[in-house]
């Protein structure tokens, strides 16, 4: 459970700095013209990574290094300050300083705010990559696209199958059209805090998706299944206020046209959440983490092949495990080597579930009741507790924004609740819930009502 300790502000850390539940609609389809295949950025205020950005000014631009300023729009590319048009061809490139993979680019037009106004859009756009600034490889070509351009808003075009790292990226724009700013879609988690994005369709039965800043963007794992899929164009990158989705043509799990989605974003932060990746060795061992406090829950998934999602929870102890992808009750295990995690390490046994020799793994590590947040740095925003009294009121010290609930001693699904989809209201409605272990769409099954200091369980 996690909840409020004020709003994001200054150097203090609040829940809104590190967690967000976000609702959005997909905008891409594999039907019809390529213009229907559109990535989109989800802005939720959570700093995960950063993009490299550049404002066009009609000449060669080089040496974008460090954390770029994406807030400034440069209007110098226009023929005069009294026109929306730039006459001629813009041909400029950016030097990233080292070879990086750019999955897409973004353009913001100059002009009035009419969607689809042709005078807001270039005649043609060509993006290219190079490692010597002389020999260029064309990555994308867009011819006279007029759909969904709004002044000051970024419209995205994917490089699709680009997996090659280039040092230089070039944009050629021709025709009597206008462009206000160009951003390269190079996501660099090292420039941000890092974290996890977990997404599920609300309106359709479809897979969960979990992507994080510590693994490849093409490495898709899903809580409702043991499998691992390598597929591009689902998650395109992490940025300073959220993340960017791909066109999602193959699996349609995060960005399918008009589907309703919810995403839960967890930023890495001591006392709240951490992510660790490691390679198994089939030997009992400890793994270091940066949570800075004793974990309340750890979720581990093997990422190179199919395997169950193994869950440690403080309430069942270091001799038990549960599976996030399964409804079964907690079961005796050697996964944790009969050792309780500490503020710096967690322990693994020899079992292949969490420590298969040469297997690759990711661990999502959640804190419990670490009182280091809020204005005075003495509030807790996350708790991994026990609903041990059945129905009734539970006082946890804050109003939850997100809850993940599982019956440990019996068969039952992992229920996901959040305040954006809606908790319950006694006599009026049940809480909206999804299940981490199934593909089912949003339902209203449980009577979980919020209070200012916790919740009322009517189920």
Protein backbone atom coordinates (compact mmCIF):
# COMPACT_ATOMS: atom_id res chain seq x y z
CA UNK A 1 0.00 0.00 0.00
CA UNK A 2 1.21 3.47 -0.71
CA UNK A 3 -0.30 6.86 -0.15
CA UNK A 4 -0.05 10.55 0.46
CA UNK A 5 2.63 12.47 2.28
CA UNK A 6 1.97 15.77 0.55
CA UNK A 7 2.68 16.86 -3.02
CA UNK A 8 5.96 17.11 -4.91
CA UNK A 9 7.97 20.18 -3.89
CA UNK A 10 11.57 21.33 -3.40
CA UNK A 11 14.23 18.96 -2.06
CA UNK A 12 11.82 17.02 0.13
CA UNK A 13 10.52 13.74 -1.26
CA UNK A 14 6.78 13.14 -1.37
CA UNK A 15 4.68 10.31 -2.71
CA UNK A 16 3.87 12.31 -5.86
CA UNK A 17 7.61 12.39 -6.66
CA UNK A 18 7.94 8.62 -6.70
CA UNK A 19 4.56 7.09 -7.55
CA UNK A 20 1.78 7.73 -10.05
CA UNK A 21 -1.37 5.92 -11.13
CA UNK A 22 -2.20 7.27 -14.61
CA UNK A 23 -5.20 6.75 -16.87
CA UNK A 24 -4.93 7.23 -20.64
CA UNK A 25 -6.33 6.02 -23.97
CA UNK A 26 -4.32 4.29 -26.67
CA UNK A 27 -3.89 6.11 -29.98
CA UNK A 28 -2.32 3.57 -32.36
CA UNK A 29 -3.77 0.93 -34.65
CA UNK A 30 -2.39 -1.49 -37.21
CA UNK A 31 -5.33 -0.79 -39.49
CA UNK A 32 -5.16 1.68 -42.38
CA UNK A 33 -2.47 4.24 -43.11
CA UNK A 34 0.86 4.54 -41.34
CA UNK A 35 -0.39 7.79 -39.84
CA UNK A 36 -2.61 5.68 -37.58
CA UNK A 37 0.47 4.05 -36.06
CA UNK A 38 1.43 6.65 -33.49
CA UNK A 39 3.56 6.43 -30.35
CA UNK A 40 2.63 8.74 -27.49
CA UNK A 41 4.22 10.25 -24.41
CA UNK A 42 2.65 9.70 -21.00
CA UNK A 43 3.38 12.60 -18.65
CA UNK A 44 2.86 11.70 -15.00
CA UNK A 45 5.45 13.90 -13.28
CA UNK A 46 7.74 10.99 -12.39
CA UNK A 47 11.40 11.40 -13.35
CA UNK A 48 12.61 8.08 -14.76
CA UNK A 49 15.13 9.00 -17.46
CA UNK A 50 15.80 11.83 -19.89
CA UNK A 51 15.67 12.60 -23.60
CA UNK A 52 18.26 14.34 -25.70
CA UNK A 53 16.61 17.42 -27.20
CA UNK A 54 17.56 20.16 -29.64
CA UNK A 55 15.79 23.30 -30.88
CA UNK A 56 16.09 23.86 -34.60
CA UNK A 57 17.58 27.14 -35.81
CA UNK A 58 18.22 26.48 -39.47
CA UNK A 59 21.87 25.48 -39.21
CA UNK A 60 24.06 22.64 -37.99
CA UNK A 61 23.79 22.06 -34.24
CA UNK A 62 26.39 19.97 -32.44
CA UNK A 63 27.55 18.88 -28.99
CA UNK A 64 24.46 18.08 -26.96
CA UNK A 65 25.96 16.66 -23.77
CA UNK A 66 24.82 16.23 -20.19
CA UNK A 67 21.20 16.90 -19.27
CA UNK A 68 19.67 19.07 -22.02
CA UNK A 69 17.17 21.86 -21.47
CA UNK A 70 13.97 20.72 -23.19
CA UNK A 71 11.89 23.71 -22.08
CA UNK A 72 13.00 26.29 -24.66
CA UNK A 73 11.43 26.58 -28.08
CA UNK A 74 13.49 28.40 -30.71
CA UNK A 75 11.59 30.42 -33.32
CA UNK A 76 14.64 31.64 -35.25
CA UNK A 77 14.04 29.11 -38.04
CA UNK A 78 11.18 31.13 -39.48
CA UNK A 79 11.62 33.53 -42.38
CA UNK A 80 10.08 36.37 -40.37
CA UNK A 81 8.40 36.71 -36.97
CA UNK A 82 5.08 37.45 -38.72
CA UNK A 83 4.61 34.14 -40.52
CA UNK A 84 3.97 30.54 -39.60
CA UNK A 85 6.08 29.27 -42.48
CA UNK A 86 9.73 28.42 -42.90
CA UNK A 87 10.64 28.64 -46.59
CA UNK A 88 13.25 26.21 -47.79
CA UNK A 89 14.96 23.12 -46.39
CA UNK A 90 16.10 22.60 -42.82
CA UNK A 91 19.11 20.31 -42.66
CA UNK A 92 20.76 19.96 -39.28
CA UNK A 93 22.28 17.26 -37.14
CA UNK A 94 23.03 16.65 -33.49
CA UNK A 95 26.24 15.16 -32.09
CA UNK A 96 25.42 13.06 -29.03
CA UNK A 97 29.12 12.62 -28.21
CA UNK A 98 28.94 8.82 -28.32
CA UNK A 99 26.99 6.21 -30.26
CA UNK A 100 23.45 5.71 -28.92
CA UNK A 101 20.29 4.07 -30.29
CA UNK A 102 17.50 6.55 -31.14
CA UNK A 103 14.17 4.73 -31.41
CA UNK A 104 12.13 7.71 -32.62
CA UNK A 105 12.07 11.48 -32.98
CA UNK A 106 9.53 14.13 -32.03
CA UNK A 107 8.50 17.30 -33.83
CA UNK A 108 6.45 20.26 -32.62
CA UNK A 109 4.95 22.51 -35.32
CA UNK A 110 4.60 26.28 -35.35
CA UNK A 111 1.27 27.83 -36.35
CA UNK A 112 -2.28 28.03 -35.09
CA UNK A 113 -3.85 25.32 -32.98
CA UNK A 114 -5.96 23.61 -35.66
CA UNK A 115 -5.49 19.86 -35.74
CA UNK A 116 -4.48 18.69 -39.19
CA UNK A 117 -3.92 22.15 -40.66
CA UNK A 118 -1.60 21.47 -43.63
CA UNK A 119 0.28 24.71 -43.18
CA UNK A 120 1.36 23.50 -39.78
CA UNK A 121 3.23 20.51 -41.17
CA UNK A 122 6.33 19.87 -43.29
CA UNK A 123 6.04 18.50 -46.82
CA UNK A 124 8.50 15.72 -46.03
CA UNK A 125 10.69 14.61 -43.16
CA UNK A 126 13.77 12.41 -43.43
CA UNK A 127 15.71 11.26 -40.37
CA UNK A 128 19.16 9.68 -40.71
CA UNK A 129 21.98 8.36 -38.55
CA UNK A 130 25.76 8.40 -38.98
CA UNK A 131 28.94 7.66 -37.08
CA UNK A 132 31.16 10.06 -39.06
CA UNK A 133 28.73 12.89 -39.97
CA UNK A 134 29.46 12.17 -43.64
CA UNK A 135 27.90 8.82 -44.51
CA UNK A 136 24.23 8.75 -43.48
CA UNK A 137 21.75 5.89 -43.13
CA UNK A 138 18.10 6.83 -43.64
CA UNK A 139 16.02 5.73 -40.65
CA UNK A 140 12.59 7.17 -41.40
CA UNK A 141 10.77 9.01 -44.17
CA UNK A 142 7.44 10.75 -43.70
CA UNK A 143 5.75 12.28 -46.74
CA UNK A 144 3.29 15.13 -46.26
CA UNK A 145 1.71 13.99 -43.02
CA UNK A 146 -1.12 16.25 -41.88
CA UNK A 147 -2.63 14.36 -38.95
CA UNK A 148 -2.73 15.43 -35.29
CA UNK A 149 -0.31 18.35 -35.35
CA UNK A 150 -0.90 21.06 -32.74
CA UNK A 151 1.34 24.04 -32.08
CA UNK A 152 3.79 23.36 -29.27
CA UNK A 153 2.76 19.69 -29.03
CA UNK A 154 5.13 16.88 -29.95
CA UNK A 155 4.06 14.45 -32.64
CA UNK A 156 6.16 11.31 -32.67
CA UNK A 157 7.39 9.13 -35.50
CA UNK A 158 9.13 5.87 -34.72
CA UNK A 159 12.35 4.72 -36.32
CA UNK A 160 10.62 1.32 -36.22
CA UNK A 161 13.34 -1.33 -36.48
CA UNK A 162 16.38 0.86 -35.75
CA UNK A 163 18.71 -1.03 -33.41
CA UNK A 164 21.98 0.57 -34.56
CA UNK A 165 23.81 3.03 -32.36
CA UNK A 166 24.84 6.26 -34.11
CA UNK A 167 26.76 9.24 -32.79
CA UNK A 168 25.13 11.73 -35.17
CA UNK A 169 21.45 12.11 -36.04
CA UNK A 170 20.21 14.31 -38.87
CA UNK A 171 16.80 15.70 -39.71
CA UNK A 172 15.93 16.97 -43.21
CA UNK A 173 12.68 18.94 -43.49
CA UNK A 174 11.59 20.30 -46.87
CA UNK A 175 8.77 22.45 -48.22
CA UNK A 176 6.97 25.61 -47.19
CA UNK A 177 6.03 24.27 -43.79
CA UNK A 178 6.96 24.98 -40.21
CA UNK A 179 8.66 23.23 -37.32
CA UNK A 180 9.21 24.67 -33.87
CA UNK A 181 11.29 22.04 -32.07
CA UNK A 182 12.90 18.69 -32.72
CA UNK A 183 13.61 16.11 -30.02
CA UNK A 184 15.53 12.92 -30.53
CA UNK A 185 14.02 9.90 -28.83
CA UNK A 186 17.20 8.78 -27.09
CA UNK A 187 16.22 7.68 -23.64
CA UNK A 188 19.06 7.72 -21.15
CA UNK A 189 18.07 6.34 -17.71
CA UNK A 190 21.48 7.46 -16.38
CA UNK A 191 20.19 11.04 -16.63
CA UNK A 192 17.17 10.23 -14.45
CA UNK A 193 16.19 8.43 -11.29
CA UNK A 194 15.12 5.13 -12.84
CA UNK A 195 12.11 3.00 -12.06
CA UNK A 196 9.31 0.67 -13.16
CA UNK A 197 6.23 1.20 -15.36
CA UNK A 198 3.47 -1.43 -14.99
CA UNK A 199 0.57 -1.10 -17.47
CA UNK A 200 -2.75 -2.91 -18.00
CA UNK A 201 -5.72 -2.36 -20.30
CA UNK A 202 -8.87 -1.52 -18.35
CA UNK A 203 -11.36 -1.90 -21.18
CA UNK A 204 -10.14 -5.12 -22.80
CA UNK A 205 -8.79 -8.48 -21.72
CA UNK A 206 -5.09 -8.24 -22.51
CA UNK A 207 -1.67 -8.87 -21.02
CA UNK A 208 0.00 -6.88 -18.28
CA UNK A 209 3.30 -5.22 -19.22
CA UNK A 210 6.23 -4.40 -16.95
CA UNK A 211 9.16 -2.35 -18.24
CA UNK A 212 11.96 -0.80 -16.19
CA UNK A 213 15.05 1.35 -16.63
CA UNK A 214 17.48 -1.45 -15.69
CA UNK A 215 16.67 -3.80 -18.59
CA UNK A 216 16.42 -3.55 -22.37
CA UNK A 217 13.38 -1.67 -23.62
CA UNK A 218 12.57 -4.67 -25.82
CA UNK A 219 12.48 -7.11 -22.86
CA UNK A 220 8.76 -7.37 -22.06
CA UNK A 221 7.63 -9.31 -19.00
CA UNK A 222 4.03 -9.76 -17.84
CA UNK A 223 2.75 -10.56 -14.37
CA UNK A 224 -0.04 -12.80 -15.67
CA UNK A 225 2.36 -15.28 -17.30
CA UNK A 226 5.77 -16.88 -16.87
CA UNK A 227 7.00 -15.93 -20.34
CA UNK A 228 9.50 -13.38 -21.60
CA UNK A 229 9.05 -11.66 -24.96
CA UNK A 230 11.62 -9.60 -26.85
CA UNK A 231 9.71 -7.10 -28.95
CA UNK A 232 10.48 -3.54 -30.00
CA UNK A 233 8.06 -0.63 -30.22
CA UNK A 234 6.10 -1.33 -27.05
CA UNK A 235 8.06 0.89 -24.67
CA UNK A 236 10.17 3.50 -26.46
CA UNK A 237 11.84 5.28 -23.56
CA UNK A 238 11.81 6.90 -20.13
CA UNK A 239 11.98 10.65 -19.64
CA UNK A 240 12.05 13.36 -17.01
CA UNK A 241 8.28 13.43 -16.50
CA UNK A 242 7.13 9.96 -17.47
CA UNK A 243 7.72 7.70 -20.45
CA UNK A 244 7.02 7.24 -24.16
CA UNK A 245 5.10 4.33 -25.69
CA UNK A 246 5.77 2.81 -29.09
CA UNK A 247 3.23 2.08 -31.79
CA UNK A 248 2.60 -1.33 -30.14
CA UNK A 249 1.50 -2.94 -33.39
CA UNK A 250 2.18 -6.59 -32.60
CA UNK A 251 0.77 -7.17 -29.11
CA UNK A 252 -1.46 -4.11 -28.59
CA UNK A 253 -0.93 -4.11 -24.81
CA UNK A 254 -0.14 -0.46 -24.01
CA UNK A 255 -1.24 1.79 -26.89
CA UNK A 256 -4.04 0.28 -28.97
CA UNK A 257 -6.45 2.80 -30.48
CA UNK A 258 -9.16 3.97 -28.03
CA UNK A 259 -8.49 1.30 -25.43
CA UNK A 260 -8.48 2.54 -21.85
CA UNK A 261 -5.31 1.87 -19.84
CA UNK A 262 -3.97 2.35 -16.36
CA UNK A 263 -0.27 2.50 -15.57
CA UNK A 264 1.48 2.45 -12.21
CA UNK A 265 4.90 4.10 -12.11
CA UNK A 266 7.35 3.44 -9.27
CA UNK A 267 10.48 5.59 -9.13
CA UNK A 268 13.62 4.30 -7.46
CA UNK A 269 14.05 6.04 -4.12
CA UNK A 270 15.63 4.99 -0.81
CA UNK A 271 12.93 4.02 1.64
CA UNK A 272 10.44 3.39 -1.17
CA UNK A 273 11.51 1.25 -4.13
CA UNK A 274 14.60 -0.20 -5.80
CA UNK A 275 15.40 -2.39 -8.81
CA UNK A 276 18.30 -4.85 -8.99
CA UNK A 277 19.37 -7.05 -11.88
CA UNK A 278 21.72 -9.98 -11.43
CA UNK A 279 22.94 -13.25 -12.98
CA UNK A 280 22.28 -16.51 -11.17
CA UNK A 281 25.03 -18.90 -10.06
CA UNK A 282 23.13 -21.73 -8.28
CA UNK A 283 25.06 -20.96 -5.08
CA UNK A 284 23.57 -19.57 -1.88
CA UNK A 285 24.46 -15.87 -1.81
CA UNK A 286 23.45 -12.31 -0.97
CA UNK A 287 22.49 -9.57 -3.44
CA UNK A 288 23.14 -5.91 -2.63
CA UNK A 289 20.38 -3.34 -3.01
CA UNK A 290 20.04 0.43 -2.51
CA UNK A 291 16.70 0.58 -0.72
CA UNK A 292 18.41 1.81 2.45
CA UNK A 293 15.80 0.07 4.61
CA UNK A 294 14.58 -3.46 5.23
CA UNK A 295 12.37 -4.60 2.31
CA UNK A 296 8.75 -5.43 2.98
CA UNK A 297 8.25 -7.22 -0.33
CA UNK A 298 10.53 -8.48 -3.12
CA UNK A 299 9.30 -9.67 -6.52
CA UNK A 300 11.81 -11.59 -8.67
CA UNK A 301 11.41 -12.58 -12.34
CA UNK A 302 13.81 -14.45 -14.56
CA UNK A 303 14.25 -12.42 -17.76
CA UNK A 304 16.03 -14.75 -20.20
CA UNK A 305 13.43 -17.53 -20.25
CA UNK A 306 10.05 -18.53 -18.84
CA UNK A 307 9.83 -18.81 -15.05
CA UNK A 308 7.38 -17.96 -12.28
CA UNK A 309 7.31 -14.57 -10.56
CA UNK A 310 8.61 -15.33 -7.07
CA UNK A 311 7.38 -13.12 -4.22
CA UNK A 312 8.84 -12.58 -0.76
CA UNK A 313 6.60 -10.78 1.74
CA UNK A 314 7.49 -9.92 5.29
CA UNK A 315 4.16 -11.27 6.57
CA UNK A 316 4.86 -14.87 5.47
CA UNK A 317 8.56 -14.82 6.28
CA UNK A 318 11.82 -16.06 4.77
CA UNK A 319 10.72 -19.69 4.47
CA UNK A 320 7.73 -19.04 2.23
CA UNK A 321 7.13 -17.77 -1.27
CA UNK A 322 4.17 -16.89 -3.48
CA UNK A 323 3.86 -16.54 -7.25
CA UNK A 324 2.60 -13.23 -8.63
CA UNK A 325 1.37 -15.02 -11.78
CA UNK A 326 -0.58 -17.63 -9.81
CA UNK A 327 -3.50 -17.81 -7.37
CA UNK A 328 -1.90 -20.37 -5.03
CA UNK A 329 -1.28 -19.81 -1.35
CA UNK A 330 2.16 -19.25 0.15
CA UNK A 331 4.38 -22.34 0.01
CA UNK A 332 7.56 -23.45 1.76
CA UNK A 333 10.67 -22.55 -0.21
CA UNK A 334 14.43 -22.27 -0.04
CA UNK A 335 14.42 -19.25 -2.35
CA UNK A 336 15.42 -16.84 0.44
CA UNK A 337 17.95 -19.19 2.06
CA UNK A 338 15.91 -18.93 5.29
CA UNK A 339 17.33 -15.42 5.77
CA UNK A 340 15.38 -12.21 6.27
CA UNK A 341 16.47 -9.32 4.03
CA UNK A 342 18.44 -6.44 5.52
CA UNK A 343 18.70 -2.74 4.71
CA UNK A 344 21.57 -3.51 2.31
CA UNK A 345 21.15 -7.10 1.02
CA UNK A 346 18.66 -9.87 0.35
CA UNK A 347 19.55 -13.57 0.35
CA UNK A 348 19.08 -16.26 -2.28
CA UNK A 349 19.16 -20.01 -1.99
CA UNK A 350 20.27 -22.43 -4.69
CA UNK A 351 16.84 -22.88 -6.28
CA UNK A 352 16.58 -22.14 -9.97
CA UNK A 353 13.46 -20.05 -9.38
CA UNK A 354 15.65 -17.13 -8.28
CA UNK A 355 19.24 -18.25 -8.84
CA UNK A 356 19.55 -20.50 -11.91
CA UNK A 357 23.14 -20.70 -13.10
CA UNK A 358 23.78 -18.04 -15.79
CA UNK A 359 20.11 -17.04 -15.80
CA UNK A 360 19.33 -13.32 -15.74
CA UNK A 361 16.93 -11.90 -13.16
CA UNK A 362 15.27 -8.65 -12.13
CA UNK A 363 14.20 -7.93 -8.54
CA UNK A 364 11.63 -5.28 -7.65
CA UNK A 365 12.18 -4.29 -4.01
CA UNK A 366 9.54 -2.46 -1.97
CA UNK A 367 10.16 -0.80 1.38
CA UNK A 368 7.97 -1.03 4.48
CA UNK A 369 7.04 1.85 6.75
CA UNK A 370 10.23 3.88 6.28
CA UNK A 371 9.41 7.26 7.83
CA UNK A 372 11.65 9.51 5.72
CA UNK A 373 9.20 11.40 3.49
CA UNK A 374 7.09 14.54 3.64
CA UNK A 375 7.81 18.09 4.75
CA UNK A 376 9.64 17.10 7.93
CA UNK A 377 11.11 13.86 6.56
CA UNK A 378 9.26 11.77 9.14
CA UNK A 379 6.32 10.31 7.22
CA UNK A 380 5.86 6.88 5.68
CA UNK A 381 4.37 6.49 2.19
CA UNK A 382 4.50 2.70 1.76
CA UNK A 383 3.52 -0.24 3.93
CA UNK A 384 3.60 -3.98 3.33
CA UNK A 385 1.11 -5.08 5.94
CA UNK A 386 -1.45 -7.74 6.82
CA UNK A 387 -5.25 -7.57 6.66
CA UNK A 388 -5.50 -9.93 9.62
CA UNK A 389 -8.92 -9.02 10.95
CA UNK A 390 -11.01 -9.61 7.83
CA UNK A 391 -13.62 -6.93 7.34
CA UNK A 392 -13.42 -3.64 9.17
CA UNK A 393 -11.33 -0.49 9.43
CA UNK A 394 -7.55 -0.51 8.94
CA UNK A 395 -5.47 2.44 10.14
CA UNK A 396 -2.19 2.64 8.22
CA UNK A 397 -1.43 6.30 8.82
CA UNK A 398 -2.32 7.65 5.37
CA UNK A 399 -4.94 7.48 2.62
CA UNK A 400 -3.79 4.86 0.08
CA UNK A 401 -3.36 5.66 -3.60
CA UNK A 402 -2.50 2.08 -4.59
CA UNK A 403 -3.07 -1.36 -3.09
CA UNK A 404 -1.95 -4.86 -4.11
CA UNK A 405 -3.82 -7.51 -2.09
CA UNK A 406 -3.40 -11.30 -1.97
CA UNK A 407 -4.79 -13.91 0.44
CA UNK A 408 -1.61 -15.61 1.61
CA UNK A 409 -3.08 -18.69 3.27
CA UNK A 410 -5.56 -19.72 0.55
CA UNK A 411 -6.17 -19.67 -3.16
CA UNK A 412 -6.99 -16.25 -4.58
CA UNK A 413 -5.93 -13.69 -7.17
CA UNK A 414 -3.67 -10.66 -6.65
CA UNK A 415 -6.08 -7.70 -6.70
CA UNK A 416 -4.86 -4.28 -7.84
CA UNK A 417 -6.60 -1.09 -6.67
CA UNK A 418 -5.81 2.59 -7.18
CA UNK A 419 -7.44 5.94 -6.55
CA UNK A 420 -7.56 6.94 -10.23
CA UNK A 421 -9.85 4.06 -11.23
CA UNK A 422 -11.68 4.44 -7.95
CA UNK A 423 -11.92 2.76 -4.59
CA UNK A 424 -15.33 1.82 -3.22
CA UNK A 425 -17.95 3.90 -1.46
CA UNK A 426 -20.22 2.09 0.98
CA UNK A 427 -23.80 1.90 -0.24
CA UNK A 428 -22.83 3.29 -3.64
CA UNK A 429 -20.16 1.25 -5.42
CA UNK A 430 -17.45 -1.37 -5.11
CA UNK A 431 -13.79 -0.63 -5.82
CA UNK A 432 -12.47 -1.03 -9.37
CA UNK A 433 -9.96 -3.84 -9.48
CA UNK A 434 -7.67 -5.63 -11.88
CA UNK A 435 -5.86 -8.89 -11.17
CA UNK A 436 -2.08 -9.15 -11.56
CA UNK A 437 -2.31 -12.85 -12.40
CA UNK A 438 -4.98 -12.67 -15.15
CA UNK A 439 -5.63 -10.77 -18.38
CA UNK A 440 -9.17 -9.80 -17.32
CA UNK A 441 -10.35 -6.25 -17.84
CA UNK A 442 -11.41 -3.85 -15.08
CA UNK A 443 -14.05 -5.12 -12.65
CA UNK A 444 -15.87 -3.89 -9.55
CA UNK A 445 -15.65 -6.84 -7.18
CA UNK A 446 -14.44 -5.77 -3.73
CA UNK A 447 -15.77 -3.38 -1.11
CA UNK A 448 -12.57 -1.45 -0.31
CA UNK A 449 -13.38 2.10 0.80
CA UNK A 450 -10.83 4.81 1.60
CA UNK A 451 -10.53 6.72 4.84
CA UNK A 452 -8.16 9.59 5.64
CA UNK A 453 -5.88 7.21 7.53
CA UNK A 454 -6.41 3.92 5.71
CA UNK A 455 -9.32 1.93 4.38
CA UNK A 456 -12.48 0.04 5.26
CA UNK A 457 -12.62 -3.56 4.02
CA UNK A 458 -16.26 -4.50 3.35
CA UNK A 459 -15.49 -7.60 1.27
